[in-house]
Amino acid sequence: LYVATNDGNQIPLSQVATVSFKEGPAQISREEGKRRIVVGFNVKGRDVASVVKEIQDKLVAAKILPVGYYYTYGGTFENLQQASARLKIAVPVALALIFLLLYFTFKSMKEALLIFTAIPMSAIGGVFALLIRGMPFSISAGVGFIALFGVAVLNGIVLISTFNQLEKEGMKDIIPRVLEGTRIRLRPVLMTASVAALGFIPMALSTGAGAEVQKPLATVVIGGLISATFLTLVVLPLLYIIFSTKRKRNMKPLVVSILLLCIFGFSNSSRAQQPLKRLSISEVTTMAGNNLQFAINKEQINKGSVQVQTATIFPKTGVFAENEDMRPSDKTGI
């Protein structure tokens, strides 16, 4: 190859450059004005969150990046974080709505709390089912827990409603009333749980496309229904007897104490998990100077200042001619 000079002569490229083969990126990508290098991999046999946590620990310990460079974690892990943030809102809202509907249905805080105990009883089976199958907690498993809570609460409603109906019919003795109500509603409760569990078995055993989403959801629902059905038929009647007897102690101080302990314990643990690190003014200034986004924003401010000064400059005059009879492709501009 020859390179033309200003005087018209041509010289070989080898006299002005060294041509050789080197290893380098196949493509240079940029994002927000900064160069970006993507390292992609697939995860198999483990959950994404634990893999990324291990990678983060190793990269922090290695300290291989110079000043101004940083890591970001995207892809499935980024989707997991976004979905987890949405679940942190969806699950409490779903639980609050379930409790509110129970209270409006029975007009009793005691009976609403009794039926609400089916939720932790069902969650026990869902967690154990995931452990038995060796599956990590995922977003689909979280959605399965929401669906499981609805079915578990439905069985509790069936039992409590039957107990109340028998009481209105004249069965004042609580022990025979609970035994009779459980006997009457045993078949409906088992049928409700069995139909839902059998419907999820194909999803739990699926191996085709989408199995990674279907299997955790179905596993949670099936395992939770097994524990919820058994505990609803045994624990819920016992709790109904305990809280319905007239000789029971006043539970309000104990309940209030437990709630306050949970609230303060959660707030303290949240503070302990996120320790604050104090930085000096010099460290903050150094970090800001090495931030490429800070330099880009500064240049944008300078650009805006220059554009303000050019606001009074008239644009170039232009003339445009168009003939309506001409096709769009025949239009010309001057």
Protein backbone atom coordinates (compact mmCIF):
# COMPACT_ATOMS: atom_id res chain seq x y z
CA LEU A 1 0.00 0.00 0.00
CA TYR A 2 1.21 3.51 -0.85
CA VAL A 3 0.44 6.80 0.87
CA ALA A 4 0.17 10.00 -1.19
CA THR A 5 2.19 13.00 0.06
CA ASN A 6 1.47 16.71 -0.38
CA ASP A 7 3.86 17.02 -3.33
CA GLY A 8 2.14 14.20 -5.22
CA ASN A 9 4.67 11.49 -4.54
CA GLN A 10 3.76 8.15 -3.07
CA ILE A 11 5.66 6.30 -0.38
CA PRO A 12 5.12 2.78 0.96
CA LEU A 13 3.01 2.50 4.08
CA SER A 14 5.80 0.52 5.76
CA GLN A 15 7.96 3.70 5.90
CA VAL A 16 5.47 5.62 8.08
CA ALA A 17 3.73 2.85 10.03
CA THR A 18 4.32 -0.59 11.51
CA VAL A 19 1.67 -3.08 10.47
CA SER A 20 1.17 -6.11 12.70
CA PHE A 21 -1.55 -8.32 14.19
CA LYS A 22 -2.52 -7.75 17.83
CA GLU A 23 -5.21 -9.15 20.11
CA GLY A 24 -7.93 -6.62 20.93
CA PRO A 25 -11.66 -6.17 21.33
CA ALA A 26 -13.73 -7.17 18.33
CA GLN A 27 -16.03 -4.22 18.99
CA ILE A 28 -15.73 -1.05 21.06
CA SER A 29 -19.07 -0.24 22.72
CA ARG A 30 -20.00 2.92 24.57
CA GLU A 31 -22.71 3.73 27.07
CA GLU A 32 -23.38 7.21 28.49
CA GLY A 33 -20.20 8.50 26.91
CA LYS A 34 -17.99 5.82 28.46
CA ARG A 35 -16.42 2.74 26.93
CA ARG A 36 -18.01 -0.53 27.95
CA ILE A 37 -16.59 -4.05 27.86
CA VAL A 38 -19.08 -6.90 28.29
CA VAL A 39 -18.13 -10.25 29.81
CA GLY A 40 -20.98 -12.74 29.43
CA PHE A 41 -21.48 -16.21 30.90
CA ASN A 42 -24.28 -18.65 31.70
CA VAL A 43 -25.16 -20.06 35.12
CA LYS A 44 -26.13 -23.71 35.55
CA GLY A 45 -26.82 -25.60 38.75
CA ARG A 46 -26.67 -22.48 40.93
CA ASP A 47 -28.72 -19.37 41.53
CA VAL A 48 -27.64 -16.13 39.89
CA ALA A 49 -27.55 -14.11 43.12
CA SER A 50 -24.98 -16.33 44.85
CA VAL A 51 -22.80 -16.47 41.72
CA VAL A 52 -22.73 -12.68 41.39
CA LYS A 53 -22.03 -12.32 45.13
CA GLU A 54 -19.02 -14.63 44.80
CA ILE A 55 -17.78 -12.72 41.74
CA GLN A 56 -18.12 -9.42 43.57
CA ASP A 57 -16.12 -10.67 46.55
CA LYS A 58 -13.31 -11.97 44.33
CA LEU A 59 -13.13 -8.79 42.22
CA VAL A 60 -13.07 -6.57 45.30
CA ALA A 61 -10.25 -8.64 46.79
CA ALA A 62 -8.27 -8.66 43.50
CA LYS A 63 -8.32 -4.84 42.99
CA ILE A 64 -7.34 -5.12 39.33
CA LEU A 65 -9.12 -2.03 37.98
CA PRO A 66 -7.37 1.35 37.82
CA VAL A 67 -8.96 4.56 39.07
CA GLY A 68 -11.98 5.62 37.04
CA TYR A 69 -13.04 2.09 36.08
CA TYR A 70 -15.87 0.19 37.74
CA TYR A 71 -17.97 -2.95 37.40
CA THR A 72 -21.70 -3.23 36.72
CA TYR A 73 -23.75 -6.41 36.78
CA GLY A 74 -26.62 -6.69 34.31
CA GLY A 75 -28.57 -9.28 32.40
CA THR A 76 -30.47 -11.81 34.46
CA PHE A 77 -29.03 -10.46 37.71
CA GLU A 78 -30.31 -6.96 36.94
CA ASN A 79 -33.74 -8.37 36.12
CA LEU A 80 -33.64 -10.32 39.40
CA GLN A 81 -32.94 -7.15 41.37
CA GLN A 82 -35.77 -5.26 39.67
CA ALA A 83 -38.22 -8.12 40.17
CA SER A 84 -37.15 -8.49 43.82
CA ALA A 85 -37.82 -4.81 44.38
CA ARG A 86 -41.30 -5.23 42.92
CA LEU A 87 -41.94 -8.32 45.04
CA LYS A 88 -41.01 -6.39 48.19
CA ILE A 89 -44.02 -4.23 47.41
CA ALA A 90 -46.36 -6.83 45.91
CA VAL A 91 -46.12 -9.40 48.72
CA PRO A 92 -46.90 -7.02 51.62
CA VAL A 93 -49.72 -5.46 49.61
CA ALA A 94 -51.17 -8.91 48.85
CA LEU A 95 -50.96 -9.94 52.51
CA ALA A 96 -52.56 -6.69 53.64
CA LEU A 97 -55.41 -7.07 51.15
CA ILE A 98 -56.00 -10.68 52.26
CA PHE A 99 -56.21 -9.63 55.90
CA LEU A 100 -58.47 -6.69 55.05
CA LEU A 101 -60.88 -8.88 53.10
CA LEU A 102 -60.94 -11.43 55.93
CA TYR A 103 -61.80 -8.72 58.43
CA PHE A 104 -64.59 -7.37 56.24
CA THR A 105 -65.94 -10.90 55.74
CA PHE A 106 -66.11 -12.00 59.39
CA LYS A 107 -66.29 -8.58 61.11
CA SER A 108 -63.90 -9.97 63.71
CA MET A 109 -60.21 -9.32 64.22
CA LYS A 110 -59.84 -12.61 66.11
CA GLU A 111 -61.25 -14.77 63.33
CA ALA A 112 -59.33 -12.86 60.67
CA LEU A 113 -56.07 -13.55 62.54
CA LEU A 114 -57.01 -17.21 62.96
CA ILE A 115 -57.50 -17.67 59.23
CA PHE A 116 -54.38 -15.61 58.54
CA THR A 117 -52.33 -18.27 60.36
CA ALA A 118 -52.81 -20.48 57.31
CA ILE A 119 -50.29 -18.29 55.44
CA PRO A 120 -47.19 -19.16 57.54
CA MET A 121 -48.38 -22.80 57.74
CA SER A 122 -48.48 -22.97 53.95
CA ALA A 123 -45.14 -21.18 53.59
CA ILE A 124 -43.49 -23.94 55.65
CA GLY A 125 -44.35 -26.57 53.05
CA GLY A 126 -43.29 -24.36 50.15
CA VAL A 127 -39.85 -23.73 51.67
CA PHE A 128 -39.31 -27.43 52.45
CA ALA A 129 -40.38 -28.40 48.93
CA LEU A 130 -37.73 -26.08 47.48
CA LEU A 131 -35.10 -27.55 49.82
CA ILE A 132 -36.02 -31.13 48.95
CA ARG A 133 -35.74 -30.47 45.21
CA GLY A 134 -32.56 -28.41 45.64
CA MET A 135 -34.04 -25.28 44.08
CA PRO A 136 -33.04 -21.75 45.11
CA PHE A 137 -35.58 -19.06 45.83
CA SER A 138 -36.43 -17.21 42.62
CA ILE A 139 -38.97 -14.73 41.36
CA SER A 140 -41.23 -17.49 40.04
CA ALA A 141 -41.10 -19.11 43.49
CA GLY A 142 -42.15 -15.81 45.03
CA VAL A 143 -45.12 -15.63 42.67
CA GLY A 144 -45.95 -19.21 43.66
CA PHE A 145 -46.08 -18.19 47.32
CA ILE A 146 -48.61 -15.46 46.50
CA ALA A 147 -50.82 -17.97 44.69
CA LEU A 148 -50.37 -20.46 47.55
CA PHE A 149 -51.51 -17.95 50.18
CA GLY A 150 -54.84 -17.50 48.43
CA VAL A 151 -55.66 -21.23 48.36
CA ALA A 152 -54.51 -21.74 51.96
CA VAL A 153 -56.68 -18.87 53.19
CA LEU A 154 -59.66 -20.28 51.28
CA ASN A 155 -59.49 -23.52 53.28
CA GLY A 156 -59.37 -21.56 56.52
CA ILE A 157 -62.43 -19.57 55.49
CA VAL A 158 -64.33 -22.81 54.83
CA LEU A 159 -63.59 -24.16 58.31
CA ILE A 160 -64.24 -20.98 60.30
CA SER A 161 -67.47 -20.31 58.41
CA THR A 162 -68.70 -23.81 59.24
CA PHE A 163 -67.86 -23.38 62.93
CA ASN A 164 -69.78 -20.12 63.06
CA GLN A 165 -72.75 -21.61 61.21
CA LEU A 166 -72.97 -24.52 63.66
CA GLU A 167 -72.82 -22.08 66.55
CA LYS A 168 -75.77 -20.16 65.12
CA GLU A 169 -77.69 -23.43 64.75
CA GLY A 170 -77.46 -24.07 68.50
CA MET A 171 -74.22 -26.00 69.09
CA LYS A 172 -72.84 -23.99 72.00
CA ASP A 173 -70.34 -26.59 73.20
CA ILE A 174 -67.15 -25.72 71.37
CA ILE A 175 -65.50 -29.16 71.30
CA PRO A 176 -68.40 -31.01 69.57
CA ARG A 177 -68.86 -28.02 67.27
CA VAL A 178 -65.24 -28.10 66.10
CA LEU A 179 -65.29 -31.88 65.64
CA GLU A 180 -68.53 -31.77 63.66
CA GLY A 181 -67.42 -28.82 61.52
CA THR A 182 -64.07 -30.46 60.73
CA ARG A 183 -65.83 -33.71 59.81
CA ILE A 184 -68.28 -31.91 57.50
CA ARG A 185 -65.63 -29.82 55.74
CA LEU A 186 -62.91 -32.46 55.54
CA ARG A 187 -63.86 -33.52 52.02
CA PRO A 188 -64.22 -29.95 50.58
CA VAL A 189 -60.87 -28.91 52.07
CA LEU A 190 -59.10 -31.98 50.70
CA MET A 191 -60.76 -31.52 47.31
CA THR A 192 -59.75 -27.86 47.07
CA ALA A 193 -56.11 -28.63 47.86
CA SER A 194 -55.97 -31.76 45.70
CA VAL A 195 -57.36 -30.09 42.59
CA ALA A 196 -54.86 -27.23 42.81
CA ALA A 197 -51.92 -29.56 43.56
CA LEU A 198 -52.76 -32.01 40.78
CA GLY A 199 -53.09 -29.14 38.32
CA PHE A 200 -49.52 -28.02 39.06
CA ILE A 201 -47.90 -31.47 38.79
CA PRO A 202 -47.21 -31.18 35.00
CA MET A 203 -45.46 -27.87 35.61
CA ALA A 204 -43.40 -29.33 38.45
CA LEU A 205 -42.19 -32.18 36.22
CA SER A 206 -41.67 -30.15 33.04
CA THR A 207 -38.29 -30.24 31.33
CA GLY A 208 -38.94 -28.27 28.13
CA ALA A 209 -38.81 -24.58 27.32
CA GLY A 210 -39.78 -22.44 30.28
CA ALA A 211 -39.20 -25.20 32.84
CA GLU A 212 -36.85 -22.98 34.86
CA VAL A 213 -39.83 -20.68 35.53
CA GLN A 214 -42.59 -23.29 35.89
CA LYS A 215 -40.84 -25.76 38.20
CA PRO A 216 -40.16 -23.43 41.19
CA LEU A 217 -43.69 -22.00 41.03
CA ALA A 218 -45.34 -25.43 40.92
CA THR A 219 -43.03 -26.85 43.59
CA VAL A 220 -43.92 -24.08 46.02
CA VAL A 221 -47.66 -24.46 45.43
CA ILE A 222 -47.69 -28.27 45.75
CA GLY A 223 -45.49 -28.39 48.86
CA GLY A 224 -47.33 -25.52 50.50
CA LEU A 225 -50.74 -27.07 49.88
CA ILE A 226 -49.65 -30.33 51.51
CA SER A 227 -48.54 -28.62 54.72
CA ALA A 228 -51.38 -26.09 54.67
CA THR A 229 -54.04 -28.76 54.31
CA PHE A 230 -52.72 -30.86 57.18
CA LEU A 231 -52.07 -27.92 59.50
CA THR A 232 -55.38 -26.26 58.61
CA LEU A 233 -57.31 -29.38 59.62
CA VAL A 234 -55.34 -29.84 62.85
CA VAL A 235 -53.82 -26.55 64.05
CA LEU A 236 -56.61 -24.17 63.01
CA PRO A 237 -59.36 -26.02 64.97
CA LEU A 238 -57.07 -26.11 68.02
CA LEU A 239 -56.40 -22.39 67.77
CA TYR A 240 -60.13 -21.79 67.37
CA ILE A 241 -60.79 -23.69 70.60
CA ILE A 242 -58.02 -21.84 72.47
CA PHE A 243 -59.11 -18.36 71.40
CA SER A 244 -62.83 -19.03 71.75
CA THR A 245 -62.83 -20.23 75.35
CA LYS A 246 -64.01 -17.66 77.89
CA ARG A 247 -61.28 -18.51 80.37
CA LYS A 248 -58.44 -17.46 78.15
CA ARG A 249 -56.03 -14.82 79.37
CA ASN A 250 -55.91 -11.36 77.91
CA MET A 251 -53.54 -11.69 74.95
CA LYS A 252 -53.45 -8.02 73.96
CA PRO A 253 -50.33 -7.04 75.99
CA LEU A 254 -48.46 -10.09 74.68
CA VAL A 255 -49.43 -9.41 71.06
CA VAL A 256 -48.45 -5.74 71.33
CA SER A 257 -45.09 -6.68 72.89
CA ILE A 258 -44.34 -9.18 70.13
CA LEU A 259 -45.21 -6.65 67.42
CA LEU A 260 -43.03 -3.95 68.99
CA LEU A 261 -40.15 -6.42 69.36
CA CYS A 262 -40.44 -7.43 65.70
CA ILE A 263 -40.57 -3.80 64.52
CA PHE A 264 -37.58 -2.62 66.55
CA GLY A 265 -35.63 -5.79 65.83
CA PHE A 266 -36.15 -5.36 62.10
CA SER A 267 -35.12 -1.72 62.17
CA ASN A 268 -31.97 -2.50 64.16
CA SER A 269 -31.03 -5.36 61.85
CA SER A 270 -31.52 -3.09 58.84
CA ARG A 271 -29.12 -0.57 60.33
CA ALA A 272 -26.62 -3.30 61.20
CA GLN A 273 -26.62 -4.71 57.69
CA GLN A 274 -25.87 -1.36 56.08
CA PRO A 275 -22.99 0.29 58.00
CA LEU A 276 -22.12 3.82 56.98
CA LYS A 277 -18.56 4.76 56.09
CA ARG A 278 -17.42 8.31 56.78
CA LEU A 279 -15.36 9.92 54.03
CA SER A 280 -13.20 12.98 54.27
CA ILE A 281 -13.56 16.01 52.00
CA SER A 282 -10.34 15.14 50.16
CA GLU A 283 -11.52 11.59 49.48
CA VAL A 284 -14.86 12.80 48.17
CA THR A 285 -13.12 15.37 45.94
CA THR A 286 -10.76 12.73 44.57
CA MET A 287 -13.63 10.35 43.83
CA ALA A 288 -15.58 13.09 42.08
CA GLY A 289 -12.58 14.07 39.95
CA ASN A 290 -12.08 10.49 38.80
CA ASN A 291 -15.75 10.07 37.88
CA LEU A 292 -16.17 10.24 34.09
CA GLN A 293 -19.84 11.14 34.41
CA PHE A 294 -18.86 14.24 36.42
CA ALA A 295 -16.57 15.38 33.57
CA ILE A 296 -19.32 14.73 31.00
CA ASN A 297 -21.82 16.80 32.98
CA LYS A 298 -19.29 19.60 33.28
CA GLU A 299 -18.77 19.63 29.52
CA GLN A 300 -22.53 19.72 28.98
CA ILE A 301 -22.77 22.79 31.23
CA ASN A 302 -20.04 24.50 29.20
CA LYS A 303 -21.85 23.58 25.98
CA GLY A 304 -25.06 25.12 27.32
CA SER A 305 -23.24 28.33 28.21
CA VAL A 306 -21.86 28.60 24.67
CA GLN A 307 -25.26 27.95 23.14
CA VAL A 308 -26.79 30.74 25.22
CA GLN A 309 -24.33 33.19 23.70
CA THR A 310 -25.32 32.11 20.15
CA ALA A 311 -29.05 32.65 20.75
CA THR A 312 -29.01 36.08 19.05
CA ILE A 313 -27.25 34.87 15.87
CA PHE A 314 -29.55 34.69 12.85
CA PRO A 315 -29.62 31.34 11.05
CA LYS A 316 -28.52 30.98 7.45
CA THR A 317 -31.07 32.00 4.86
CA GLY A 318 -32.46 29.15 2.78
CA VAL A 319 -34.88 28.88 -0.14
CA PHE A 320 -37.01 25.81 -0.76
CA ALA A 321 -39.01 25.21 -3.92
CA GLU A 322 -41.73 22.61 -4.28
CA ASN A 323 -44.12 21.67 -7.05
CA GLU A 324 -47.35 19.99 -5.90
CA ASP A 325 -47.64 18.15 -9.23
CA MET A 326 -44.32 16.46 -8.71
CA ARG A 327 -43.93 13.16 -6.91
CA PRO A 328 -42.37 13.21 -3.44
CA SER A 329 -39.17 11.76 -4.84
CA ASP A 330 -38.93 14.60 -7.44
CA LYS A 331 -38.93 17.46 -4.89
CA THR A 332 -35.79 19.53 -4.91
CA GLY A 333 -34.36 21.90 -2.37
CA ILE A 334 -32.02 24.81 -2.77
